[in-house]
Protein backbone atom coordinates (compact mmCIF):
# COMPACT_ATOMS: atom_id res chain seq x y z
CA UNK A 1 -46.12 -39.10 84.13
CA UNK A 2 -43.95 -41.98 82.87
CA UNK A 3 -45.63 -41.72 79.47
CA UNK A 4 -44.90 -38.00 79.40
CA UNK A 5 -41.24 -38.62 80.15
CA UNK A 6 -41.00 -41.18 77.35
CA UNK A 7 -42.57 -38.69 74.98
CA UNK A 8 -40.00 -36.10 76.01
CA UNK A 9 -37.22 -38.66 75.46
CA UNK A 10 -38.48 -39.46 71.97
CA UNK A 11 -38.61 -35.76 71.13
CA UNK A 12 -35.12 -35.17 72.48
CA UNK A 13 -33.56 -38.08 70.63
CA UNK A 14 -35.16 -36.93 67.39
CA UNK A 15 -33.78 -33.45 67.96
CA UNK A 16 -30.26 -34.74 68.54
CA UNK A 17 -30.29 -37.41 65.86
CA UNK A 18 -32.15 -35.86 62.95
CA UNK A 19 -30.41 -35.62 59.58
CA UNK A 20 -32.91 -34.00 57.26
CA UNK A 21 -32.26 -31.35 54.65
CA UNK A 22 -32.31 -27.79 55.89
CA UNK A 23 -35.56 -25.92 55.53
CA UNK A 24 -35.86 -22.32 54.46
CA UNK A 25 -35.00 -19.99 57.29
CA UNK A 26 -37.36 -17.30 58.46
CA UNK A 27 -36.13 -13.83 59.32
CA UNK A 28 -33.02 -14.00 61.48
CA UNK A 29 -33.84 -11.12 63.78
CA UNK A 30 -32.79 -7.53 63.27
CA UNK A 31 -30.44 -4.86 64.49
CA UNK A 32 -31.35 -1.32 65.34
CA UNK A 33 -35.11 -1.86 65.40
CA UNK A 34 -37.73 0.20 67.26
CA UNK A 35 -37.16 0.85 70.97
CA UNK A 36 -37.80 -2.31 72.98
CA UNK A 37 -39.72 -0.44 75.64
CA UNK A 38 -42.51 0.08 73.08
CA UNK A 39 -43.84 -3.49 72.71
CA UNK A 40 -42.92 -4.30 76.30
CA UNK A 41 -44.42 -1.18 77.88
CA UNK A 42 -46.81 -2.19 80.62
CA UNK A 43 -45.82 -5.87 80.44
CA UNK A 44 -45.39 -7.01 84.02
CA UNK A 45 -43.59 -10.12 85.18
CA UNK A 46 -42.66 -11.40 88.63
CA UNK A 47 -39.27 -11.23 90.26
CA UNK A 48 -38.34 -14.69 91.50
CA UNK A 49 -37.42 -13.14 94.84
CA UNK A 50 -40.73 -11.27 95.08
CA UNK A 51 -42.38 -8.20 93.57
CA UNK A 52 -43.24 -7.26 89.99
CA UNK A 53 -41.35 -5.59 87.16
CA UNK A 54 -42.63 -3.54 84.22
CA UNK A 55 -40.21 -4.65 81.51
CA UNK A 56 -40.71 -1.58 79.34
CA UNK A 57 -40.03 0.73 82.26
CA UNK A 58 -36.97 -1.27 83.32
CA UNK A 59 -35.42 -1.08 79.86
CA UNK A 60 -35.93 2.67 79.64
CA UNK A 61 -34.83 3.44 83.20
CA UNK A 62 -31.41 4.95 83.88
CA UNK A 63 -28.57 5.84 81.53
CA UNK A 64 -27.11 2.33 81.42
CA UNK A 65 -26.87 -0.54 78.97
CA UNK A 66 -29.10 -3.54 79.64
CA UNK A 67 -29.72 -6.98 78.19
CA UNK A 68 -33.12 -8.64 78.41
CA UNK A 69 -33.36 -12.31 77.49
CA UNK A 70 -36.87 -13.64 76.89
CA UNK A 71 -36.40 -17.33 77.52
CA UNK A 72 -38.69 -20.29 76.96
CA UNK A 73 -39.98 -22.84 79.50
CA UNK A 74 -37.32 -23.89 81.97
CA UNK A 75 -36.68 -27.42 80.62
CA UNK A 76 -36.35 -26.23 77.02
CA UNK A 77 -33.15 -26.36 74.98
CA UNK A 78 -33.36 -22.66 74.15
CA UNK A 79 -33.81 -21.54 77.75
CA UNK A 80 -30.94 -23.74 78.90
CA UNK A 81 -28.58 -22.46 76.20
CA UNK A 82 -29.53 -18.88 77.03
CA UNK A 83 -28.74 -19.54 80.68
CA UNK A 84 -25.40 -21.06 79.75
CA UNK A 85 -24.51 -18.22 77.41
CA UNK A 86 -25.49 -15.55 79.93
CA UNK A 87 -23.31 -17.27 82.54
CA UNK A 88 -20.30 -17.44 80.24
CA UNK A 89 -20.57 -14.02 78.60
CA UNK A 90 -21.50 -12.00 81.68
CA UNK A 91 -17.94 -10.68 82.26
CA UNK A 92 -17.68 -9.58 78.61
CA UNK A 93 -21.10 -7.96 78.75
CA UNK A 94 -20.06 -6.04 81.86
CA UNK A 95 -16.83 -5.00 80.13
CA UNK A 96 -19.01 -3.53 77.38
CA UNK A 97 -20.86 -1.47 79.98
CA UNK A 98 -23.93 -3.67 80.45
CA UNK A 99 -25.17 -2.81 83.92
CA UNK A 100 -28.07 -5.26 84.18
CA UNK A 101 -28.94 -8.63 82.66
CA UNK A 102 -32.55 -9.76 83.02
CA UNK A 103 -33.62 -13.31 82.15
CA UNK A 104 -37.33 -14.10 81.81
CA UNK A 105 -38.47 -17.73 81.88
CA UNK A 106 -41.91 -19.01 80.94
CA UNK A 107 -42.00 -20.82 84.25
CA UNK A 108 -43.32 -20.65 87.78
CA UNK A 109 -40.96 -19.14 90.39
CA UNK A 110 -40.02 -22.55 91.81
CA UNK A 111 -39.01 -23.81 88.37
CA UNK A 112 -36.98 -20.63 87.86
CA UNK A 113 -35.15 -21.25 91.14
CA UNK A 114 -34.39 -24.84 90.14
CA UNK A 115 -33.14 -23.64 86.74
CA UNK A 116 -30.78 -21.16 88.40
CA UNK A 117 -29.49 -23.83 90.78
CA UNK A 118 -28.87 -26.51 88.14
CA UNK A 119 -27.01 -24.04 85.89
CA UNK A 120 -25.20 -22.20 88.71
CA UNK A 121 -26.59 -18.98 87.25
CA UNK A 122 -24.62 -15.93 88.47
CA UNK A 123 -26.38 -14.00 91.22
CA UNK A 124 -26.04 -10.80 89.17
CA UNK A 125 -28.52 -12.15 86.61
CA UNK A 126 -32.02 -10.92 87.47
CA UNK A 127 -34.33 -13.91 87.11
CA UNK A 128 -37.97 -13.21 86.27
CA UNK A 129 -41.01 -15.50 86.14
CA UNK A 130 -43.60 -15.30 83.34
CA UNK A 131 -45.48 -18.65 83.34
CA UNK A 132 -47.84 -17.70 80.52
CA UNK A 133 -45.15 -16.32 78.22
CA UNK A 134 -46.84 -12.92 78.07
CA UNK A 135 -43.63 -10.93 77.62
CA UNK A 136 -42.40 -13.04 74.73
CA UNK A 137 -45.69 -12.74 72.88
CA UNK A 138 -45.71 -8.96 73.39
CA UNK A 139 -42.18 -8.81 71.97
CA UNK A 140 -43.29 -10.82 68.96
CA UNK A 141 -41.49 -14.14 69.40
CA UNK A 142 -42.71 -17.11 67.41
CA UNK A 143 -45.46 -19.11 69.08
CA UNK A 144 -44.53 -22.18 67.07
CA UNK A 145 -46.66 -24.51 65.00
CA UNK A 146 -50.47 -24.25 65.16
CA UNK A 147 -50.43 -22.02 68.26
CA UNK A 148 -54.17 -21.32 68.22
CA UNK A 149 -55.34 -24.87 67.47
CA UNK A 150 -56.44 -26.23 70.83
CA UNK A 151 -57.52 -29.55 69.29
CA UNK A 152 -53.90 -30.58 68.71
CA UNK A 153 -51.77 -31.80 71.63
CA UNK A 154 -48.96 -29.39 72.56
CA UNK A 155 -46.60 -32.37 72.44
CA UNK A 156 -47.64 -33.16 68.87
CA UNK A 157 -47.06 -29.51 67.96
CA UNK A 158 -43.60 -29.73 69.51
CA UNK A 159 -42.91 -32.89 67.51
CA UNK A 160 -43.83 -31.05 64.32
CA UNK A 161 -41.53 -28.18 65.24
CA UNK A 162 -38.62 -30.61 65.47
CA UNK A 163 -39.08 -31.13 61.72
CA UNK A 164 -39.21 -27.40 61.07
CA UNK A 165 -42.97 -26.85 61.09
CA UNK A 166 -43.51 -23.34 62.38
CA UNK A 167 -39.81 -23.21 63.26
CA UNK A 168 -37.75 -23.09 60.08
CA UNK A 169 -34.46 -22.52 61.89
CA UNK A 170 -34.61 -25.76 63.90
CA UNK A 171 -32.95 -28.19 61.51
CA UNK A 172 -30.13 -25.84 60.43
CA UNK A 173 -29.41 -25.04 64.09
CA UNK A 174 -29.38 -28.70 65.11
CA UNK A 175 -27.27 -29.81 62.15
CA UNK A 176 -24.78 -27.02 62.88
CA UNK A 177 -24.13 -28.67 66.24
CA UNK A 178 -22.89 -31.77 64.45
CA UNK A 179 -20.85 -30.36 61.58
CA UNK A 180 -19.05 -27.60 63.48
CA UNK A 181 -17.81 -24.28 62.12
CA UNK A 182 -14.19 -23.23 61.51
CA UNK A 183 -15.18 -19.64 62.37
CA UNK A 184 -17.52 -20.47 65.23
CA UNK A 185 -17.13 -19.94 68.97
CA UNK A 186 -16.71 -22.74 71.47
CA UNK A 187 -15.52 -21.12 74.70
CA UNK A 188 -19.08 -20.92 76.03
CA UNK A 189 -19.62 -24.58 75.11
CA UNK A 190 -16.56 -25.63 77.09
CA UNK A 191 -17.74 -23.55 80.06
CA UNK A 192 -21.19 -25.16 79.93
CA UNK A 193 -19.82 -28.69 79.54
CA UNK A 194 -17.51 -28.14 82.51
CA UNK A 195 -20.37 -26.84 84.65
CA UNK A 196 -22.44 -29.87 83.68
CA UNK A 197 -19.63 -32.26 84.54
CA UNK A 198 -19.13 -30.62 87.92
CA UNK A 199 -22.85 -31.19 88.50
CA UNK A 200 -22.54 -34.84 87.52
CA UNK A 201 -24.27 -34.64 84.15
CA UNK A 202 -23.39 -37.05 81.32
CA UNK A 203 -21.63 -37.16 78.84
CA UNK A 204 -18.69 -36.40 81.11
CA UNK A 205 -15.76 -37.53 78.97
CA UNK A 206 -15.29 -34.51 76.70
CA UNK A 207 -13.25 -32.64 79.32
CA UNK A 208 -10.75 -33.50 82.01
CA UNK A 209 -11.19 -31.31 85.09
CA UNK A 210 -8.54 -30.66 87.71
CA UNK A 211 -9.07 -30.82 91.46
CA UNK A 212 -10.58 -27.33 91.46
CA UNK A 213 -13.05 -28.16 88.68
CA UNK A 214 -11.18 -26.15 86.03
CA UNK A 215 -10.66 -27.54 82.54
CA UNK A 216 -7.32 -29.31 82.24
CA UNK A 217 -7.94 -30.97 78.87
CA UNK A 218 -10.53 -30.67 76.12
CA UNK A 219 -10.75 -33.77 73.92
CA UNK A 220 -12.06 -31.70 71.02
CA UNK A 221 -8.73 -29.83 70.89
CA UNK A 222 -7.07 -33.11 69.95
CA UNK A 223 -9.25 -33.98 66.96
CA UNK A 224 -7.20 -34.35 63.75
CA UNK A 225 -7.62 -31.59 61.16
CA UNK A 226 -10.65 -29.96 62.83
CA UNK A 227 -9.21 -29.60 66.35
CA UNK A 228 -8.23 -26.00 65.60
CA UNK A 229 -11.67 -24.98 64.37
CA UNK A 230 -13.59 -22.33 66.23
CA UNK A 231 -16.35 -24.86 66.95
CA UNK A 232 -15.48 -28.49 66.33
CA UNK A 233 -17.81 -31.15 64.85
CA UNK A 234 -20.04 -32.76 67.51
CA UNK A 235 -18.92 -30.26 70.16
CA UNK A 236 -22.21 -28.39 70.46
CA UNK A 237 -24.17 -31.61 69.90
CA UNK A 238 -22.38 -33.12 72.91
CA UNK A 239 -23.45 -30.21 75.09
CA UNK A 240 -27.02 -30.53 73.85
CA UNK A 241 -27.00 -34.24 74.68
CA UNK A 242 -25.76 -33.39 78.18
CA UNK A 243 -28.48 -30.76 78.52
CA UNK A 244 -31.17 -33.13 77.29
CA UNK A 245 -30.29 -36.07 79.52
CA UNK A 246 -29.25 -34.12 82.60
CA UNK A 247 -31.75 -31.26 82.54
CA UNK A 248 -34.59 -31.46 80.01
CA UNK A 249 -35.30 -35.08 80.93
CA UNK A 250 -33.39 -35.62 84.15
CA UNK A 251 -34.96 -32.64 85.91
CA UNK A 252 -38.26 -32.61 84.00
CA UNK A 253 -40.45 -32.66 87.10
CA UNK A 254 -38.74 -29.61 88.57
CA UNK A 255 -38.52 -27.63 85.31
CA UNK A 256 -41.64 -28.59 83.35
CA UNK A 257 -44.49 -26.15 82.69
CA UNK A 258 -47.67 -26.83 84.61
CA UNK A 259 -50.48 -28.66 82.83
CA UNK A 260 -52.32 -25.35 82.54
CA UNK A 261 -49.37 -23.74 80.73
CA UNK A 262 -48.52 -26.38 78.12
CA UNK A 263 -49.00 -23.82 75.34
CA UNK A 264 -45.55 -22.51 76.27
CA UNK A 265 -43.99 -25.77 75.03
CA UNK A 266 -43.93 -24.37 71.50
CA UNK A 267 -43.26 -20.69 72.19
CA UNK A 268 -39.77 -19.57 71.24
CA UNK A 269 -37.69 -16.84 72.85
CA UNK A 270 -35.61 -13.82 71.98
CA UNK A 271 -33.56 -11.01 73.43
CA UNK A 272 -32.99 -7.28 73.25
CA UNK A 273 -30.05 -5.12 74.27
CA UNK A 274 -30.48 -1.40 74.89
CA UNK A 275 -27.88 1.35 74.96
CA UNK A 276 -27.41 4.19 77.46
CA UNK A 277 -30.31 6.09 75.90
CA UNK A 278 -32.76 3.22 76.21
CA UNK A 279 -32.71 2.64 72.45
CA UNK A 280 -32.39 -0.78 70.90
CA UNK A 281 -28.81 -1.72 70.04
CA UNK A 282 -29.67 -5.32 69.17
CA UNK A 283 -32.71 -7.55 69.09
CA UNK A 284 -33.37 -11.15 68.17
CA UNK A 285 -36.28 -13.56 67.92
CA UNK A 286 -35.44 -17.26 67.95
CA UNK A 287 -35.71 -18.94 64.56
CA UNK A 288 -36.46 -22.41 65.91
CA UNK A 289 -35.53 -24.96 68.54
CA UNK A 290 -31.83 -24.34 69.30
CA UNK A 291 -31.98 -21.24 67.08
CA UNK A 292 -30.92 -18.78 69.77
CA UNK A 293 -29.00 -15.50 69.59
CA UNK A 294 -25.25 -15.33 69.08
CA UNK A 295 -23.81 -13.38 71.97
CA UNK A 296 -20.82 -12.36 69.87
CA UNK A 297 -23.28 -10.33 67.79
CA UNK A 298 -24.71 -8.76 70.93
CA UNK A 299 -21.25 -7.75 72.12
CA UNK A 300 -20.41 -6.29 68.73
CA UNK A 301 -23.64 -4.27 68.69
CA UNK A 302 -22.90 -2.83 72.12
């Protein structure tokens, strides 16, 4: 188990420290595609609190807007960022008329519960367990590099994906966390950093929190020249470092996939939003590690 943890650490440090040239991006998802209930019809996953759900039926049921997030395994960067984005954007989603938010993890129920606890996931988010990643595959998410080659270690496949193999959006997504974006969004990053600091995760010096745990000062606001950018250089990279050390590695035993489910290490995620008629308003399939959906695009589509 110690060797496994070291392997995870090496992978994480490569992810956060890589500085290679960007690879060609695959398709960046699509808007207004076929109804989501089609590929997900008959796909059943488990409610963490008990019982089963047919995802296709749930998306088509009732005249309400819904968001379904197909996450990755519970210790993965993508799953964690989806959890953090769902937590931050939930009020805005509800203001847009979204009645239900469902989050599927490729994890056993106990790992899902730990995930929800560590991220203080809102109770309104319906957490679903899919240890084998069946729903994601039905939806057509990427299975990563060499998904059908059982002779190659899943950890070696994951290592290759960090360099863009089978996941062309990884390096651009990682590099974007370092360079920032004048037109980007950082409110969700601040929310996630604050939640991590309240939970005792490090780095814990980006924000000053008051006695109630609210943000009193954000050090990134004070950066010369770039402090007024939408997303400042190193801001997202700092959150990813906090996620890696405090969750992906720090809570590995609680969040890891079982030895029988290691194929989910390389499977990416996605999401789909449906309108009042059960038709797809927005859909996305992750382009790589850290290549998750922009919730601003989801809100605009709704």
